[in-house]
N, C-alpha and C. Protein backbone atom coordinates (compact mmCIF):
# COMPACT_ATOMS: atom_id res chain seq x y z
N MET A 1 -107.13 -100.82 144.43
CA MET A 1 -107.48 -100.64 145.81
C MET A 1 -106.19 -100.57 146.62
N LYS A 2 -106.05 -99.52 147.40
CA LYS A 2 -104.88 -99.36 148.25
C LYS A 2 -105.17 -100.02 149.59
N ILE A 3 -104.24 -100.84 150.05
CA ILE A 3 -104.37 -101.51 151.34
C ILE A 3 -103.38 -100.87 152.28
N HIS A 4 -103.86 -100.50 153.45
CA HIS A 4 -103.00 -99.86 154.44
C HIS A 4 -102.17 -100.91 155.14
N THR A 5 -100.86 -100.87 154.96
CA THR A 5 -99.98 -101.83 155.64
C THR A 5 -98.77 -101.16 156.27
N SER A 6 -98.65 -99.85 156.15
CA SER A 6 -97.53 -99.17 156.78
C SER A 6 -98.02 -97.90 157.43
N ASP A 7 -97.11 -97.22 158.12
CA ASP A 7 -97.50 -96.02 158.87
C ASP A 7 -98.70 -96.35 159.75
N HIS A 8 -98.50 -97.30 160.62
CA HIS A 8 -99.59 -97.83 161.45
C HIS A 8 -100.47 -96.72 162.00
N PRO A 9 -101.78 -96.89 161.84
CA PRO A 9 -102.70 -95.87 162.34
C PRO A 9 -102.64 -95.79 163.86
N LYS A 10 -102.91 -94.63 164.38
CA LYS A 10 -102.93 -94.43 165.82
C LYS A 10 -104.29 -94.86 166.36
N PRO A 11 -104.33 -95.70 167.41
CA PRO A 11 -105.62 -96.08 167.96
C PRO A 11 -106.29 -94.87 168.60
N VAL A 12 -107.58 -94.83 168.50
CA VAL A 12 -108.35 -93.75 169.10
C VAL A 12 -108.82 -94.25 170.45
N ASN A 13 -108.60 -93.46 171.49
CA ASN A 13 -109.00 -93.86 172.83
C ASN A 13 -110.49 -93.64 172.99
N ALA A 14 -111.28 -94.60 172.53
CA ALA A 14 -112.73 -94.46 172.49
C ALA A 14 -113.39 -94.44 173.87
N PRO A 15 -112.98 -95.27 174.85
CA PRO A 15 -113.71 -95.28 176.12
C PRO A 15 -113.73 -93.90 176.77
N GLY A 16 -114.92 -93.46 177.12
CA GLY A 16 -115.07 -92.19 177.82
C GLY A 16 -114.82 -90.97 176.96
N ALA A 17 -114.84 -91.12 175.66
CA ALA A 17 -114.53 -90.00 174.78
C ALA A 17 -115.56 -88.89 174.91
N VAL A 18 -116.82 -89.25 175.10
CA VAL A 18 -117.89 -88.26 175.19
C VAL A 18 -118.81 -88.66 176.33
N LYS A 19 -119.24 -87.70 177.12
CA LYS A 19 -120.08 -87.99 178.28
C LYS A 19 -121.54 -87.63 178.05
N THR A 20 -121.97 -87.54 176.78
CA THR A 20 -123.35 -87.18 176.48
C THR A 20 -124.19 -88.43 176.29
N GLY A 21 -125.37 -88.29 175.69
CA GLY A 21 -126.28 -89.41 175.47
C GLY A 21 -125.63 -90.55 174.71
N ALA A 22 -126.14 -91.76 174.90
CA ALA A 22 -125.54 -92.96 174.31
C ALA A 22 -125.48 -92.90 172.80
N THR A 23 -126.54 -92.48 172.15
CA THR A 23 -126.55 -92.44 170.69
C THR A 23 -125.56 -91.42 170.18
N GLN A 24 -125.55 -90.24 170.76
CA GLN A 24 -124.62 -89.19 170.33
C GLN A 24 -123.19 -89.62 170.60
N SER A 25 -122.95 -90.22 171.77
CA SER A 25 -121.61 -90.68 172.13
C SER A 25 -121.12 -91.72 171.13
N LYS A 26 -121.97 -92.68 170.80
CA LYS A 26 -121.61 -93.73 169.84
C LYS A 26 -121.30 -93.13 168.48
N GLN A 27 -122.11 -92.16 168.05
CA GLN A 27 -121.89 -91.53 166.76
C GLN A 27 -120.58 -90.76 166.74
N ILE A 28 -120.27 -90.04 167.81
CA ILE A 28 -119.04 -89.25 167.85
C ILE A 28 -117.82 -90.16 167.86
N VAL A 29 -117.87 -91.24 168.65
CA VAL A 29 -116.75 -92.18 168.69
C VAL A 29 -116.56 -92.79 167.31
N SER A 30 -117.65 -93.20 166.65
CA SER A 30 -117.56 -93.77 165.31
C SER A 30 -116.96 -92.77 164.33
N GLU A 31 -117.36 -91.51 164.44
CA GLU A 31 -116.83 -90.47 163.55
C GLU A 31 -115.34 -90.26 163.80
N GLU A 32 -114.92 -90.29 165.07
CA GLU A 32 -113.50 -90.13 165.39
C GLU A 32 -112.68 -91.28 164.81
N LEU A 33 -113.18 -92.50 164.96
CA LEU A 33 -112.47 -93.65 164.42
C LEU A 33 -112.45 -93.61 162.90
N ALA A 34 -113.57 -93.24 162.29
CA ALA A 34 -113.61 -93.13 160.83
C ALA A 34 -112.61 -92.10 160.35
N ALA A 35 -112.49 -90.99 161.07
CA ALA A 35 -111.55 -89.95 160.68
C ALA A 35 -110.10 -90.42 160.84
N ALA A 36 -109.88 -91.34 161.78
CA ALA A 36 -108.52 -91.85 162.01
C ALA A 36 -108.10 -92.87 160.96
N TRP A 37 -109.05 -93.43 160.21
CA TRP A 37 -108.74 -94.39 159.15
C TRP A 37 -108.07 -93.62 158.02
N PRO A 38 -106.91 -94.06 157.57
CA PRO A 38 -106.24 -93.34 156.47
C PRO A 38 -107.15 -93.23 155.25
N ALA A 39 -107.39 -92.02 154.82
CA ALA A 39 -108.36 -91.73 153.75
C ALA A 39 -108.03 -92.43 152.43
N HIS A 40 -106.77 -92.67 152.17
CA HIS A 40 -106.38 -93.26 150.89
C HIS A 40 -106.46 -94.79 150.89
N CYS A 41 -106.92 -95.39 151.97
CA CYS A 41 -106.93 -96.85 152.08
C CYS A 41 -108.34 -97.41 152.10
N ALA A 42 -108.58 -98.41 151.26
CA ALA A 42 -109.88 -99.08 151.22
C ALA A 42 -109.94 -100.25 152.20
N ALA A 43 -108.77 -100.71 152.64
CA ALA A 43 -108.71 -101.87 153.54
C ALA A 43 -107.46 -101.81 154.39
N MET A 44 -107.48 -102.54 155.50
CA MET A 44 -106.33 -102.63 156.41
C MET A 44 -106.03 -104.09 156.70
N SER A 45 -104.77 -104.35 157.00
CA SER A 45 -104.38 -105.68 157.44
C SER A 45 -104.95 -105.92 158.83
N ILE A 46 -104.94 -107.16 159.28
CA ILE A 46 -105.42 -107.49 160.62
C ILE A 46 -104.62 -106.72 161.66
N LYS A 47 -103.32 -106.69 161.51
CA LYS A 47 -102.46 -105.99 162.47
C LYS A 47 -102.82 -104.50 162.53
N ASP A 48 -102.93 -103.87 161.38
CA ASP A 48 -103.24 -102.45 161.34
C ASP A 48 -104.64 -102.16 161.87
N PHE A 49 -105.60 -103.00 161.52
CA PHE A 49 -106.96 -102.83 162.02
C PHE A 49 -106.99 -102.93 163.54
N SER A 50 -106.33 -103.94 164.08
CA SER A 50 -106.30 -104.14 165.53
C SER A 50 -105.67 -102.95 166.24
N GLU A 51 -104.60 -102.41 165.68
CA GLU A 51 -103.96 -101.23 166.26
C GLU A 51 -104.86 -100.00 166.13
N TRP A 52 -105.55 -99.87 165.01
CA TRP A 52 -106.43 -98.73 164.77
C TRP A 52 -107.57 -98.70 165.79
N ILE A 53 -108.15 -99.87 166.06
CA ILE A 53 -109.29 -99.93 166.96
C ILE A 53 -108.85 -100.08 168.41
N GLY A 54 -107.60 -100.46 168.64
CA GLY A 54 -107.07 -100.58 169.99
C GLY A 54 -107.38 -101.90 170.66
N ILE A 55 -107.36 -103.00 169.88
CA ILE A 55 -107.61 -104.33 170.43
C ILE A 55 -106.45 -105.24 170.06
N GLY A 56 -106.35 -106.37 170.73
CA GLY A 56 -105.32 -107.35 170.41
C GLY A 56 -105.80 -108.31 169.34
N ARG A 57 -104.87 -109.11 168.83
CA ARG A 57 -105.22 -110.08 167.78
C ARG A 57 -106.24 -111.11 168.27
N SER A 58 -106.10 -111.54 169.53
CA SER A 58 -107.04 -112.53 170.06
C SER A 58 -108.46 -111.97 170.08
N THR A 59 -108.59 -110.73 170.50
CA THR A 59 -109.91 -110.09 170.51
C THR A 59 -110.44 -109.96 169.09
N PHE A 60 -109.55 -109.61 168.16
CA PHE A 60 -109.96 -109.52 166.75
C PHE A 60 -110.55 -110.85 166.29
N TYR A 61 -109.84 -111.94 166.57
CA TYR A 61 -110.32 -113.25 166.11
C TYR A 61 -111.59 -113.67 166.84
N ASN A 62 -111.77 -113.25 168.09
CA ASN A 62 -113.03 -113.52 168.80
C ASN A 62 -114.19 -112.80 168.10
N ILE A 63 -113.96 -111.57 167.66
CA ILE A 63 -114.98 -110.79 166.94
C ILE A 63 -115.33 -111.49 165.63
N VAL A 64 -114.30 -111.94 164.92
CA VAL A 64 -114.53 -112.64 163.64
C VAL A 64 -115.26 -113.95 163.87
N ASN A 65 -114.83 -114.73 164.86
CA ASN A 65 -115.46 -116.02 165.14
C ASN A 65 -116.91 -115.87 165.60
N ALA A 66 -117.24 -114.73 166.20
CA ALA A 66 -118.62 -114.46 166.62
C ALA A 66 -119.48 -114.01 165.44
N GLY A 67 -118.86 -113.84 164.28
CA GLY A 67 -119.60 -113.44 163.08
C GLY A 67 -119.90 -111.95 163.01
N GLU A 68 -119.25 -111.15 163.85
CA GLU A 68 -119.51 -109.71 163.89
C GLU A 68 -118.77 -108.95 162.78
N LEU A 69 -117.68 -109.51 162.30
CA LEU A 69 -116.86 -108.85 161.29
C LEU A 69 -116.37 -109.92 160.33
N ARG A 70 -116.42 -109.62 159.02
CA ARG A 70 -116.02 -110.61 158.02
C ARG A 70 -114.83 -110.11 157.22
N PRO A 71 -113.62 -110.59 157.55
CA PRO A 71 -112.44 -110.19 156.78
C PRO A 71 -112.51 -110.75 155.36
N LYS A 72 -111.75 -110.16 154.47
CA LYS A 72 -111.66 -110.60 153.07
C LYS A 72 -110.24 -111.07 152.79
N LYS A 73 -110.10 -111.86 151.75
CA LYS A 73 -108.78 -112.34 151.33
C LYS A 73 -108.42 -111.70 150.00
N ILE A 74 -107.19 -111.23 149.93
CA ILE A 74 -106.60 -110.77 148.67
C ILE A 74 -105.33 -111.60 148.52
N GLY A 75 -105.43 -112.64 147.72
CA GLY A 75 -104.32 -113.59 147.65
C GLY A 75 -104.16 -114.26 149.01
N ARG A 76 -102.98 -114.15 149.59
CA ARG A 76 -102.73 -114.73 150.91
C ARG A 76 -102.97 -113.74 152.03
N LYS A 77 -103.19 -112.49 151.68
CA LYS A 77 -103.36 -111.44 152.69
C LYS A 77 -104.82 -111.34 153.13
N THR A 78 -105.03 -111.24 154.43
CA THR A 78 -106.36 -111.04 155.00
C THR A 78 -106.50 -109.57 155.34
N VAL A 79 -107.61 -108.98 154.91
CA VAL A 79 -107.83 -107.55 155.13
C VAL A 79 -109.24 -107.29 155.65
N ILE A 80 -109.41 -106.11 156.24
CA ILE A 80 -110.71 -105.64 156.69
C ILE A 80 -111.05 -104.44 155.82
N LEU A 81 -112.19 -104.49 155.15
CA LEU A 81 -112.62 -103.36 154.33
C LEU A 81 -113.09 -102.22 155.22
N ARG A 82 -112.83 -101.01 154.77
CA ARG A 82 -113.26 -99.82 155.52
C ARG A 82 -114.77 -99.85 155.77
N SER A 83 -115.54 -100.16 154.74
CA SER A 83 -117.00 -100.17 154.88
C SER A 83 -117.45 -101.20 155.92
N ASP A 84 -116.82 -102.37 155.94
CA ASP A 84 -117.17 -103.40 156.93
C ASP A 84 -116.80 -102.96 158.34
N ALA A 85 -115.63 -102.32 158.47
CA ALA A 85 -115.17 -101.86 159.79
C ALA A 85 -116.10 -100.79 160.34
N LEU A 86 -116.50 -99.84 159.51
CA LEU A 86 -117.39 -98.78 159.97
C LEU A 86 -118.78 -99.31 160.30
N ARG A 87 -119.26 -100.28 159.52
CA ARG A 87 -120.55 -100.91 159.81
C ARG A 87 -120.48 -101.63 161.16
N TRP A 88 -119.38 -102.35 161.40
CA TRP A 88 -119.18 -103.05 162.67
C TRP A 88 -119.20 -102.06 163.83
N LEU A 89 -118.50 -100.93 163.68
CA LEU A 89 -118.49 -99.92 164.73
C LEU A 89 -119.89 -99.39 165.02
N GLU A 90 -120.65 -99.13 163.97
CA GLU A 90 -122.00 -98.60 164.15
C GLU A 90 -122.91 -99.59 164.88
N ASN A 91 -122.63 -100.88 164.75
CA ASN A 91 -123.48 -101.90 165.36
C ASN A 91 -123.03 -102.29 166.77
N LEU A 92 -121.96 -101.70 167.27
CA LEU A 92 -121.51 -102.01 168.63
C LEU A 92 -122.53 -101.48 169.63
N PRO A 93 -122.67 -102.15 170.76
CA PRO A 93 -123.59 -101.65 171.79
C PRO A 93 -123.07 -100.33 172.36
N SER A 94 -123.98 -99.53 172.87
CA SER A 94 -123.63 -98.25 173.48
C SER A 94 -122.81 -98.47 174.73
N ALA A 95 -121.92 -97.53 175.03
CA ALA A 95 -121.09 -97.61 176.22
C ALA A 95 -121.89 -97.31 177.47
N ASN A 96 -122.90 -96.45 177.37
CA ASN A 96 -123.74 -96.09 178.51
C ASN A 96 -124.81 -97.15 178.67
N ARG A 97 -124.78 -97.83 179.80
CA ARG A 97 -125.73 -98.91 180.03
C ARG A 97 -126.73 -98.51 181.09
N SER A 98 -127.99 -98.67 180.82
CA SER A 98 -129.04 -98.30 181.76
C SER A 98 -129.33 -99.41 182.77
N ASP A 99 -128.81 -100.62 182.52
CA ASP A 99 -129.12 -101.73 183.42
C ASP A 99 -128.14 -101.84 184.59
N GLY A 100 -127.17 -100.90 184.66
CA GLY A 100 -126.23 -100.89 185.78
C GLY A 100 -125.11 -101.90 185.66
N GLY A 101 -125.04 -102.62 184.55
CA GLY A 101 -124.00 -103.63 184.36
C GLY A 101 -122.66 -102.99 184.04
N ALA A 102 -121.61 -103.77 184.20
CA ALA A 102 -120.26 -103.28 183.88
C ALA A 102 -120.11 -103.19 182.38
N SER A 103 -119.29 -102.26 181.92
CA SER A 103 -119.08 -102.14 180.48
C SER A 103 -117.85 -102.85 180.04
């Protein structure tokens, strides 16, 4: 299993990427992020994952502590599996909110 730890992935600017329906927008954003994941890597380090998704380490740990994402250990290294990351993305709430609340 190849773990991505160099050539840091470029974060995808997901907010406002698509102005269509919520489901289609969520699917397109997920597809863009999936395409940005280095194809040869089955997992990423916390640092690389955070940069890929465009969040800080504190936000990453908040997501983990909320039980939304489950990192794995390979020896002393903590990694996020591609399959887990994509599943987490698919389960995120839609950016378009019908209740008028802030996003």
